[in-house]
Amino acid sequence: MFKLIYHFFVPHKGNNHRSKIIHNSSLFALILLILFTSWFSILINKTHPEILGISYSISDQELLRLVNEERIKNGSSPLRMNNKLINAANNKANHMFSNNYWAHFAPDNTTPWEFITKSNYDYVYAGENLAKGFVNARDVVEAWMNSPAHKDNILSRQYEDIGFAIVEGNLQGEDTVLVVEIFGKEKNQFLAKVEDENFLIASSNSAVGLEQAIDINQTAEVPLLGESNISNTVKGGAIQETLISSKPSIDIFISSKTFSFLILSVLLIALILDYTIILKKRIPRIVGNNIDHIILISIFIVFIFVHNIGVIL
């Protein structure tokens, strides 16, 4: 066993003064192993997702709690769950799956605001955040908070209500969990005097973090918000918690990250040993040194740790 490890990791005369693990033949075998493992994992995931799949658990109550924590930290009043906005968010999610698109505005020109108005939510202000592929609520909110446009929606003092949709489905050929977050402030029949038309759409050029604002030429009186904790307050009737979760026997995301980390770590160790020993013994060879490869693999390892499968819009 020691001789095998020595042969694979230590450059000497028997392996032509280059660690066997970084020979072309060994690297080719590793590539084949990675390709086969990936194919096998995809096959098992498709046929037996209960055995090999992605573990996730996302709750709308957890999303609400995390969003309101961010708002309170930044001096904004907590938002209330609203049945009409929940209905709008679910309709938007289902529309995205049915029409197979990942965007704020649908290919058939349906706008985000249409889902809100069709849910009988008569709004003064409204906004939308989207996310897909995340495995827990905390990662979703952190991703939104790390994006200036999405963060603006979460912290905006224009909003009073919020609704979430958490829906599983296949979007653009990928099985995923879609999270739709819709913010709003309803017209107050006694205090607000606003027309139903002439709204301006304020959104970033990169199409992230969508917000619709009232026309600046219109005026409205806005009731003051209290400072009491209303993070669990419901507006529009009783609301049942939505929890989407999956607990396969083996988490394919964690397993693939672990497998990739092990393979790259083995190569990194081999390259460092090879470089150190060759440098120390001053053994000349035609091939270049390993510094570039060491740096590249180190970057890949860092990427594995920071990579998240979720995306926001």
Protein backbone atom coordinates (compact mmCIF):
# COMPACT_ATOMS: atom_id res chain seq x y z
CA MET A 1 0.00 0.00 0.00
CA PHE A 2 2.82 2.39 0.88
CA LYS A 3 4.58 1.63 -2.41
CA LEU A 4 1.37 2.38 -4.33
CA ILE A 5 0.89 5.73 -2.56
CA TYR A 6 4.57 6.53 -3.06
CA HIS A 7 4.32 5.71 -6.78
CA PHE A 8 1.20 7.85 -7.28
CA PHE A 9 2.21 10.88 -5.24
CA VAL A 10 6.02 11.09 -5.10
CA PRO A 11 8.11 11.77 -8.24
CA HIS A 12 10.94 9.27 -8.62
CA LYS A 13 12.78 7.31 -11.28
CA GLY A 14 10.05 4.65 -11.48
CA ASN A 15 7.38 7.15 -12.58
CA ASN A 16 9.73 9.25 -14.73
CA HIS A 17 10.11 11.81 -11.94
CA ARG A 18 6.46 12.86 -12.16
CA SER A 19 3.74 11.76 -9.74
CA LYS A 20 1.73 9.01 -11.41
CA ILE A 21 -1.58 10.65 -10.42
CA ILE A 22 -0.83 13.63 -12.67
CA HIS A 23 0.26 11.57 -15.68
CA ASN A 24 -2.00 11.96 -18.73
CA SER A 25 -3.24 8.36 -18.42
CA SER A 26 -4.26 8.88 -14.77
CA LEU A 27 -5.97 12.20 -15.51
CA PHE A 28 -7.89 10.58 -18.37
CA ALA A 29 -9.04 7.81 -16.02
CA LEU A 30 -10.19 10.42 -13.47
CA ILE A 31 -12.17 12.27 -16.15
CA LEU A 32 -13.90 9.02 -17.16
CA LEU A 33 -14.70 8.31 -13.50
CA ILE A 34 -16.21 11.77 -13.04
CA LEU A 35 -18.30 11.46 -16.23
CA PHE A 36 -19.58 8.01 -15.26
CA THR A 37 -20.39 9.14 -11.72
CA SER A 38 -22.29 12.16 -13.05
CA TRP A 39 -24.28 10.06 -15.52
CA PHE A 40 -25.08 7.45 -12.87
CA SER A 41 -26.16 10.14 -10.38
CA ILE A 42 -28.50 11.75 -12.93
CA LEU A 43 -30.00 8.35 -13.76
CA ILE A 44 -30.67 7.48 -10.11
CA ASN A 45 -32.01 10.97 -9.43
CA LYS A 46 -34.52 10.66 -12.30
CA THR A 47 -35.66 7.12 -11.49
CA HIS A 48 -35.40 7.11 -7.68
CA PRO A 49 -35.43 10.68 -6.33
CA GLU A 50 -36.28 9.35 -2.87
CA ILE A 51 -32.83 7.69 -2.80
CA LEU A 52 -30.66 10.25 -4.54
CA GLY A 53 -31.88 13.82 -4.82
CA ILE A 54 -31.55 17.30 -3.39
CA SER A 55 -32.62 17.91 0.21
CA TYR A 56 -34.62 21.09 0.66
CA SER A 57 -37.09 22.60 3.10
CA ILE A 58 -38.64 26.03 2.50
CA SER A 59 -41.50 27.49 4.53
CA ASP A 60 -43.40 30.71 3.86
CA GLN A 61 -43.51 31.40 7.61
CA GLU A 62 -39.72 31.13 7.75
CA LEU A 63 -39.43 33.45 4.75
CA LEU A 64 -41.76 35.94 6.46
CA ARG A 65 -39.78 35.79 9.71
CA LEU A 66 -36.45 36.34 7.95
CA VAL A 67 -37.77 39.18 5.78
CA ASN A 68 -39.28 40.94 8.81
CA GLU A 69 -36.04 40.49 10.76
CA GLU A 70 -34.21 42.34 7.99
CA ARG A 71 -36.85 45.07 7.91
CA ILE A 72 -36.79 45.60 11.68
CA LYS A 73 -32.96 45.76 11.67
CA ASN A 74 -33.19 48.51 9.05
CA GLY A 75 -35.95 50.51 10.73
CA SER A 76 -38.89 49.36 8.57
CA SER A 77 -42.17 48.02 9.97
CA PRO A 78 -42.81 44.26 9.66
CA LEU A 79 -45.00 43.07 6.78
CA ARG A 80 -48.27 41.15 7.12
CA MET A 81 -49.16 38.02 5.21
CA ASN A 82 -52.02 38.74 2.81
CA ASN A 83 -54.24 36.06 1.25
CA LYS A 84 -54.74 38.05 -1.95
CA LEU A 85 -50.98 38.42 -2.48
CA ILE A 86 -50.48 34.73 -1.69
CA ASN A 87 -53.03 33.93 -4.40
CA ALA A 88 -51.28 36.32 -6.81
CA ALA A 89 -47.89 34.74 -6.07
CA ASN A 90 -49.22 31.22 -6.66
CA ASN A 91 -50.87 32.27 -9.91
CA LYS A 92 -47.58 33.82 -11.05
CA ALA A 93 -45.64 30.66 -10.15
CA ASN A 94 -48.10 28.40 -11.96
CA HIS A 95 -48.08 30.72 -14.98
CA MET A 96 -44.27 30.50 -15.12
CA PHE A 97 -44.35 26.70 -15.06
CA SER A 98 -47.20 26.49 -17.58
CA ASN A 99 -45.48 28.87 -20.02
CA ASN A 100 -41.94 27.69 -19.22
CA TYR A 101 -40.29 31.04 -18.57
CA TRP A 102 -38.01 32.56 -15.93
CA ALA A 103 -38.70 36.29 -15.98
CA HIS A 104 -40.77 39.01 -14.35
CA PHE A 105 -42.66 39.64 -17.60
CA ALA A 106 -44.15 36.63 -19.40
CA PRO A 107 -43.56 35.84 -23.10
CA ASP A 108 -47.29 36.53 -23.69
CA ASN A 109 -46.72 40.05 -22.25
CA THR A 110 -48.49 39.28 -18.97
CA THR A 111 -47.10 41.68 -16.36
CA PRO A 112 -46.54 40.92 -12.66
CA TRP A 113 -49.21 43.49 -11.79
CA GLU A 114 -51.94 41.56 -13.61
CA PHE A 115 -51.65 38.67 -11.14
CA ILE A 116 -52.07 41.14 -8.29
CA THR A 117 -55.09 42.97 -9.70
CA LYS A 118 -56.78 39.69 -10.73
CA SER A 119 -56.50 38.60 -7.08
CA ASN A 120 -58.58 41.68 -6.16
CA TYR A 121 -55.72 43.41 -4.42
CA ASP A 122 -56.26 47.10 -5.17
CA TYR A 123 -52.69 48.34 -4.75
CA VAL A 124 -50.92 51.65 -4.48
CA TYR A 125 -47.47 50.07 -4.51
CA ALA A 126 -46.42 46.56 -5.55
CA GLY A 127 -43.18 44.68 -6.07
CA GLU A 128 -41.90 41.21 -6.89
CA ASN A 129 -38.83 39.10 -6.09
CA LEU A 130 -38.18 35.68 -7.62
CA ALA A 131 -35.89 32.80 -6.65
CA LYS A 132 -35.41 29.21 -7.75
CA GLY A 133 -33.20 26.25 -6.88
CA PHE A 134 -32.55 27.14 -3.24
CA VAL A 135 -32.68 24.50 -0.49
CA ASN A 136 -33.77 26.65 2.48
CA ALA A 137 -35.43 29.96 3.28
CA ARG A 138 -32.33 31.55 4.81
CA ASP A 139 -30.32 31.14 1.59
CA VAL A 140 -33.19 32.67 -0.41
CA VAL A 141 -33.40 35.79 1.77
CA GLU A 142 -29.60 36.13 1.96
CA ALA A 143 -29.39 36.03 -1.84
CA TRP A 144 -32.07 38.71 -2.13
CA MET A 145 -30.38 40.86 0.50
CA ASN A 146 -27.06 40.60 -1.38
CA SER A 147 -28.71 42.08 -4.48
CA PRO A 148 -29.32 45.87 -4.23
CA ALA A 149 -32.56 45.83 -6.23
CA HIS A 150 -34.06 42.88 -4.34
CA LYS A 151 -32.89 44.35 -1.04
CA ASP A 152 -34.68 47.60 -1.88
CA ASN A 153 -37.92 45.66 -2.33
CA ILE A 154 -37.50 43.84 1.00
CA LEU A 155 -36.70 46.99 2.98
CA SER A 156 -39.06 49.41 1.20
CA ARG A 157 -41.25 51.37 3.59
CA GLN A 158 -43.89 51.70 0.88
CA TYR A 159 -45.10 48.13 1.52
CA GLU A 160 -47.40 46.82 4.25
CA ASP A 161 -48.37 43.36 2.96
CA ILE A 162 -46.57 40.35 1.52
CA GLY A 163 -47.44 37.01 -0.05
CA PHE A 164 -45.30 33.99 -0.95
CA ALA A 165 -45.65 31.06 -3.30
CA ILE A 166 -43.35 28.05 -2.96
CA VAL A 167 -44.01 25.64 -5.83
CA GLU A 168 -42.23 22.56 -7.14
CA GLY A 169 -42.08 21.85 -10.87
CA ASN A 170 -40.04 21.57 -14.03
CA LEU A 171 -38.90 24.91 -15.39
CA GLN A 172 -36.94 25.10 -18.65
CA GLY A 173 -36.03 21.41 -18.42
CA GLU A 174 -34.92 21.53 -14.79
CA ASP A 175 -36.75 20.20 -11.73
CA THR A 176 -36.71 23.04 -9.24
CA VAL A 177 -38.47 24.82 -6.39
CA LEU A 178 -39.73 28.26 -7.37
CA VAL A 179 -40.24 31.00 -4.79
CA VAL A 180 -42.35 34.03 -5.70
CA GLU A 181 -42.42 36.95 -3.25
CA ILE A 182 -44.96 39.72 -3.86
CA PHE A 183 -45.09 42.95 -1.86
CA GLY A 184 -47.95 45.39 -1.78
CA LYS A 185 -49.75 48.27 -0.18
CA GLU A 186 -53.49 48.42 -0.64
CA LYS A 187 -55.47 51.58 -1.31
CA ASN A 188 -57.19 52.99 1.72
CA GLN A 189 -60.70 54.04 0.79
CA PHE A 190 -60.81 56.71 3.48
CA LEU A 191 -57.35 58.21 3.31
CA ALA A 192 -56.05 57.59 -0.21
CA LYS A 193 -57.27 59.45 -3.28
CA VAL A 194 -55.49 57.85 -6.20
CA GLU A 195 -56.45 56.99 -9.75
CA ASP A 196 -56.23 53.44 -11.07
CA GLU A 197 -54.12 54.42 -14.06
CA ASN A 198 -50.86 56.18 -14.96
CA PHE A 199 -48.52 54.09 -12.85
CA LEU A 200 -44.80 54.14 -13.48
CA ILE A 201 -42.76 50.94 -13.53
CA ALA A 202 -39.43 51.29 -11.76
CA SER A 203 -37.11 48.37 -12.36
CA SER A 204 -33.37 47.96 -12.78
CA ASN A 205 -31.86 47.63 -16.28
CA SER A 206 -30.69 44.14 -15.35
CA ALA A 207 -34.30 43.09 -14.71
CA VAL A 208 -33.86 42.19 -11.06
CA GLY A 209 -35.94 43.30 -8.12
CA LEU A 210 -39.13 44.63 -9.70
CA GLU A 211 -41.13 47.47 -8.18
CA GLN A 212 -44.13 49.44 -9.46
CA ALA A 213 -44.51 52.93 -8.03
CA ILE A 214 -47.38 55.39 -8.01
CA ASP A 215 -47.27 58.27 -10.44
CA ILE A 216 -45.32 61.11 -8.81
CA ASN A 217 -47.94 63.65 -9.93
CA GLN A 218 -50.60 61.98 -7.78
CA THR A 219 -50.94 62.53 -4.05
CA ALA A 220 -52.11 60.28 -1.27
CA GLU A 221 -52.44 60.46 2.46
CA VAL A 222 -50.81 57.48 4.12
CA PRO A 223 -51.79 56.24 7.59
CA LEU A 224 -48.91 55.94 10.06
CA LEU A 225 -47.70 52.46 10.86
CA GLY A 226 -47.38 51.32 14.45
CA GLU A 227 -44.17 49.95 15.91
CA SER A 228 -45.68 46.78 17.37
CA ASN A 229 -44.38 43.40 16.24
CA ILE A 230 -46.82 42.17 13.59
CA SER A 231 -44.56 39.58 11.96
CA ASN A 232 -47.21 36.88 12.37
CA THR A 233 -50.21 39.09 11.63
CA VAL A 234 -52.48 37.86 8.87
CA LYS A 235 -54.44 40.18 6.60
CA GLY A 236 -57.29 38.74 4.59
CA GLY A 237 -58.32 35.72 6.66
CA ALA A 238 -56.64 32.69 8.18
CA ILE A 239 -53.52 31.49 6.39
CA GLN A 240 -52.12 27.99 6.61
CA GLU A 241 -48.35 27.57 6.52
CA THR A 242 -46.86 26.35 3.25
CA LEU A 243 -43.90 24.03 3.60
CA ILE A 244 -42.17 22.40 0.63
CA SER A 245 -39.56 19.81 1.58
CA SER A 246 -37.70 16.77 0.32
CA LYS A 247 -35.47 14.41 2.30
CA PRO A 248 -33.81 11.84 0.00
CA SER A 249 -31.52 9.20 1.50
CA ILE A 250 -28.52 10.78 -0.20
CA ASP A 251 -28.25 14.48 -1.00
CA ILE A 252 -26.89 14.66 -4.55
CA PHE A 253 -25.79 18.28 -4.17
CA ILE A 254 -23.75 17.66 -1.02
CA SER A 255 -22.45 14.35 -2.39
CA SER A 256 -21.30 15.89 -5.67
CA LYS A 257 -19.60 18.77 -3.84
CA THR A 258 -17.85 16.30 -1.53
CA PHE A 259 -16.78 14.07 -4.42
CA SER A 260 -15.46 17.03 -6.43
CA PHE A 261 -13.64 18.37 -3.38
CA LEU A 262 -11.94 15.01 -2.73
CA ILE A 263 -10.82 14.60 -6.35
CA LEU A 264 -9.45 18.14 -6.57
CA SER A 265 -7.79 17.87 -3.15
CA VAL A 266 -5.97 14.70 -4.22
CA LEU A 267 -4.74 16.44 -7.38
CA LEU A 268 -3.72 19.53 -5.40
CA ILE A 269 -1.72 17.49 -2.88
CA ALA A 270 -0.05 15.57 -5.71
CA LEU A 271 0.88 18.77 -7.55
CA ILE A 272 2.28 20.42 -4.42
CA LEU A 273 4.35 17.35 -3.54
CA ASP A 274 5.54 16.99 -7.10
CA TYR A 275 6.54 20.64 -7.32
CA THR A 276 8.23 20.67 -3.91
CA ILE A 277 10.28 17.51 -4.45
CA ILE A 278 11.33 18.40 -8.00
CA LEU A 279 12.35 21.87 -6.84
CA LYS A 280 14.26 20.51 -3.86
CA LYS A 281 16.12 17.85 -5.87
CA ARG A 282 16.60 20.25 -8.79
CA ILE A 283 15.49 17.63 -11.27
CA PRO A 284 15.23 19.13 -14.77
CA ARG A 285 12.28 18.19 -16.99
CA ILE A 286 10.75 19.50 -20.17
CA VAL A 287 7.21 20.00 -18.82
CA GLY A 288 6.53 23.26 -17.02
CA ASN A 289 6.18 23.65 -13.29
CA ASN A 290 2.92 23.11 -11.44
CA ILE A 291 2.33 26.60 -10.05
CA ASP A 292 -0.37 27.50 -12.61
CA HIS A 293 -2.15 24.18 -12.04
CA ILE A 294 -1.96 24.58 -8.26
CA ILE A 295 -3.53 28.05 -8.46
CA LEU A 296 -6.25 26.88 -10.86
CA ILE A 297 -7.26 23.88 -8.74
CA SER A 298 -7.23 26.05 -5.59
CA ILE A 299 -9.70 28.40 -7.31
CA PHE A 300 -11.93 25.44 -8.23
CA ILE A 301 -11.92 24.27 -4.60
CA VAL A 302 -12.92 27.72 -3.34
CA PHE A 303 -15.68 27.82 -5.97
CA ILE A 304 -17.06 24.50 -4.70
CA PHE A 305 -17.48 25.94 -1.21
CA VAL A 306 -19.09 29.22 -2.27
CA HIS A 307 -21.22 27.83 -5.10
CA ASN A 308 -24.98 27.84 -4.52
CA ILE A 309 -27.40 26.17 -6.91
CA GLY A 310 -30.06 28.83 -6.41
CA VAL A 311 -30.58 31.90 -8.62
CA ILE A 312 -32.67 35.04 -8.15
CA LEU A 313 -34.47 37.44 -10.44
